[in-house]
Protein backbone atom coordinates (compact mmCIF):
# COMPACT_ATOMS: atom_id res chain seq x y z
CA MET A 1 116.03 89.75 72.21
CA LYS A 2 115.45 93.25 73.99
CA PRO A 3 116.71 93.67 77.03
CA LEU A 4 113.32 93.73 79.22
CA ALA A 5 112.53 90.56 77.50
CA LEU A 6 115.71 88.96 79.18
CA LEU A 7 115.08 90.36 82.44
CA ILE A 8 111.75 88.74 82.34
CA ALA A 9 113.21 85.70 81.26
CA ALA A 10 115.20 85.58 84.25
CA VAL A 11 111.84 85.46 86.40
CA PRO A 12 111.00 81.65 86.45
CA LEU A 13 107.71 81.48 84.47
CA GLY A 14 106.79 78.22 83.15
CA LEU A 15 105.91 77.14 79.60
CA LEU A 16 102.72 77.79 78.44
CA ALA A 17 101.85 79.78 75.30
CA GLN A 18 101.50 83.50 75.07
CA PRO A 19 98.36 85.20 74.09
CA ALA A 20 98.12 87.42 71.00
CA ALA A 21 98.91 90.58 73.07
CA ALA A 22 102.67 89.75 73.28
CA GLN A 23 103.42 90.88 69.73
CA GLY A 24 105.80 93.47 69.96
CA VAL A 25 106.09 97.41 69.04
CA SER A 26 109.43 98.97 68.06
CA THR A 27 110.60 101.92 69.95
CA SER A 28 110.38 104.20 66.94
CA ALA A 29 107.08 102.99 66.04
CA TYR A 30 105.98 103.53 69.63
CA ARG A 31 107.32 106.87 69.94
CA THR A 32 105.57 108.08 66.94
CA THR A 33 102.05 106.38 68.31
CA LEU A 34 102.99 108.39 71.64
CA ASP A 35 102.88 111.46 69.68
CA TYR A 36 99.74 110.83 67.80
CA ALA A 37 98.20 109.46 70.98
CA SER A 38 98.89 112.97 72.75
CA CYS A 39 97.29 114.70 69.64
CA ALA A 40 94.40 112.41 69.85
CA VAL A 41 93.95 112.74 73.83
CA GLY A 42 94.09 116.83 73.45
CA LYS A 43 91.55 116.63 70.50
CA ASP A 44 89.12 114.10 71.87
CA ALA A 45 89.23 112.77 74.97
CA ALA A 46 86.15 111.12 74.91
CA ALA A 47 87.05 109.05 72.11
CA ALA A 48 90.54 108.18 73.95
CA LYS A 49 88.50 107.03 77.20
CA ALA A 50 85.97 105.14 75.00
CA LEU A 51 89.00 102.69 73.65
CA LEU A 52 90.06 102.03 77.03
CA ALA A 53 86.44 101.33 78.28
CA THR A 54 86.40 98.49 75.64
CA VAL A 55 87.93 95.09 76.16
CA PRO A 56 91.28 94.51 74.28
CA GLY A 57 91.10 92.93 71.24
CA SER A 58 87.04 92.73 70.82
CA ALA A 59 85.34 94.13 67.81
CA GLU A 60 84.32 97.23 69.87
CA ALA A 61 87.97 97.72 70.64
CA ARG A 62 88.72 97.97 66.93
CA ALA A 63 85.87 100.21 66.10
CA ALA A 64 87.06 102.66 69.06
CA ALA A 65 90.76 102.47 67.75
CA ALA A 66 89.38 103.38 64.33
CA LYS A 67 87.76 106.30 65.79
CA VAL A 68 90.90 107.44 67.46
CA THR A 69 92.81 106.87 64.23
CA ALA A 70 90.44 108.93 62.41
CA LEU A 71 91.03 112.08 64.27
CA GLY A 72 93.44 113.35 61.72
CA CYS A 73 96.25 113.88 63.97
CA ASP A 74 99.98 113.79 62.28
CA GLY A 75 101.63 110.70 61.69
CA LYS A 76 100.52 107.06 61.28
CA PRO A 77 100.12 105.34 64.87
CA ASN A 78 101.24 101.71 65.14
CA ASP A 79 98.05 99.51 65.46
CA GLU A 80 99.67 97.41 67.99
CA GLY A 81 100.89 100.00 70.11
CA LEU A 82 98.12 102.69 69.96
CA ARG A 83 95.78 101.66 73.03
CA GLY A 84 98.78 101.41 75.05
CA ALA A 85 100.02 104.90 73.79
CA VAL A 86 96.36 106.32 74.56
CA ALA A 87 96.43 104.87 77.81
CA GLU A 88 99.87 106.57 78.83
CA LYS A 89 98.62 109.93 77.39
CA LEU A 90 95.45 109.60 78.95
CA TYR A 91 96.74 108.80 82.29
CA LEU A 92 98.98 111.87 82.17
CA ALA A 93 96.60 114.07 81.33
CA THR A 94 94.42 112.45 83.91
CA TYR A 95 96.72 112.49 86.78
CA ALA A 96 99.09 115.30 87.40
CA THR A 97 100.67 114.09 90.31
CA PRO A 98 101.77 110.35 91.19
CA PRO A 99 99.83 108.19 93.39
CA ALA A 100 100.93 107.67 96.92
CA GLU A 101 103.58 104.67 97.78
CA ALA A 102 101.86 101.29 98.45
CA THR A 103 102.14 100.19 102.02
CA GLY A 104 101.54 96.97 103.85
CA GLU A 105 101.19 93.48 102.50
CA PRO A 106 99.87 93.52 98.84
CA ALA A 107 96.06 92.28 98.61
CA ALA A 108 95.36 89.13 96.74
CA PHE A 109 94.83 90.04 92.97
CA THR A 110 92.22 88.38 91.11
CA GLY A 111 92.53 88.79 87.20
CA SER A 112 89.68 88.35 84.38
CA GLY A 113 89.81 84.93 84.28
CA VAL A 114 90.33 85.28 80.70
CA ARG A 115 93.35 84.03 78.83
CA ASP A 116 93.48 86.63 76.11
CA LEU A 117 93.61 89.20 78.83
CA ALA A 118 96.26 87.43 80.70
CA TYR A 119 98.87 90.21 80.02
CA TYR A 120 96.37 93.15 80.95
CA ASP A 121 95.71 91.52 84.07
CA ILE A 122 99.49 90.80 84.88
CA ALA A 123 100.14 94.59 84.35
CA ARG A 124 96.81 95.79 86.50
CA CYS A 125 98.33 93.64 89.11
CA VAL A 126 101.59 95.64 88.98
CA ALA A 127 99.72 98.99 88.92
CA THR A 128 98.00 97.78 91.85
CA ARG A 129 100.75 96.22 93.92
CA ASP A 130 103.00 99.15 93.21
CA PRO A 131 101.23 102.17 91.81
CA LEU A 132 104.12 104.47 92.50
CA GLY A 133 106.58 102.18 90.27
CA ALA A 134 104.14 102.06 87.40
CA ASP A 135 103.75 105.69 87.50
CA MET A 136 107.47 106.46 87.39
CA LEU A 137 107.46 104.05 84.31
CA ILE A 138 104.97 106.22 82.88
CA ARG A 139 106.31 109.19 83.40
CA SER A 140 109.64 108.22 82.18
CA ASP A 141 110.82 108.98 78.51
CA LEU A 142 111.46 106.08 76.27
CA ARG A 143 114.85 104.40 76.73
CA SER A 144 115.96 106.80 79.47
CA GLU A 145 117.73 106.06 82.62
CA ALA A 146 114.45 107.25 84.62
CA GLU A 147 112.76 104.16 82.56
CA LYS A 148 115.55 101.76 83.35
CA ALA A 149 115.31 102.60 87.15
CA ALA A 150 111.48 102.22 87.09
CA LEU A 151 111.94 98.91 85.25
CA LYS A 152 114.06 97.93 88.25
CA ARG A 153 111.61 98.84 90.46
CA ILE A 154 108.68 96.92 88.95
CA MET A 155 110.46 93.72 87.92
CA PRO A 156 110.20 92.18 91.25
CA VAL A 157 106.49 93.31 91.45
CA LEU A 158 105.92 92.03 87.88
CA GLY A 159 107.61 88.48 88.74
CA GLY A 160 105.07 88.33 91.81
CA CYS A 161 102.23 88.94 89.46
CA VAL A 162 102.73 86.53 86.84
CA PRO A 163 100.61 83.37 87.41
CA SER A 164 102.27 79.97 87.98
CA GLY A 165 103.22 78.22 84.75
CA PHE A 166 102.64 81.39 82.75
CA GLN A 167 105.50 82.49 80.24
CA LEU A 168 105.68 86.20 79.84
CA GLY A 169 107.08 87.62 76.82
CA LEU A 170 106.83 91.40 76.30
CA ASP A 171 108.69 94.30 74.92
CA ARG A 172 109.07 97.33 77.20
CA GLU A 173 106.82 99.54 74.92
CA LYS A 174 104.01 97.17 75.28
CA LEU A 175 104.68 96.60 79.10
CA ARG A 176 104.40 100.61 79.33
CA GLY A 177 100.97 100.60 77.83
CA MET A 178 99.55 97.84 79.57
CA VAL A 179 100.67 99.28 82.92
CA ALA A 180 99.35 102.65 81.95
CA GLU A 181 96.06 101.22 81.45
CA GLY A 182 96.04 99.45 84.53
CA LEU A 183 97.35 102.29 86.48
CA TYR A 184 94.84 104.59 84.67
CA ASN A 185 91.95 102.08 85.56
CA ILE A 186 93.10 101.64 89.40
CA ARG A 187 93.18 105.11 90.15
CA GLY A 188 90.02 105.68 88.41
CA ALA A 189 88.16 103.01 90.22
CA ALA A 190 89.64 104.42 93.80
CA GLY A 191 88.68 107.65 92.81
CA THR A 192 91.96 109.37 93.34
CA ASN A 193 93.87 112.29 91.69
């Protein structure tokens, strides 16, 4: 089990089965996919945005992902990590500076209510409640000390975003991508730069 999974396992979570999005992505495959996503966002930002505008796991999402993988960038992206890597690179290309620190009591968070999107809801909750911590994670290099510090910061927030009775199991690569997508969406909705 990866260190992040061990940290998450330490948060009291319950026993519900995990949605399909819980599948893992290796660090090396995610690095390759991040490189591919960087090229793809540079070549066709509209295709990258179209991917993130789809519902994860839908036929539309698969079609949008196929358009991104057909852009002719070097390397073979990992299918499980592509959406998250595109979210990371699109977020970084869109927002040059971190968001402001969240202050005050966090607002109540309402997810989508769709079980297969639970991981995305949890990641969006983290991005909503600690946008600066989420940003720190996305701006950090994979497996770096900065990434460890960002994960340490957002772990309590993550624990507070997990619904009662839900068992969470994510590797850090999937978590990064989902948090990046949540952060990209909430900053876009707020109209902040």
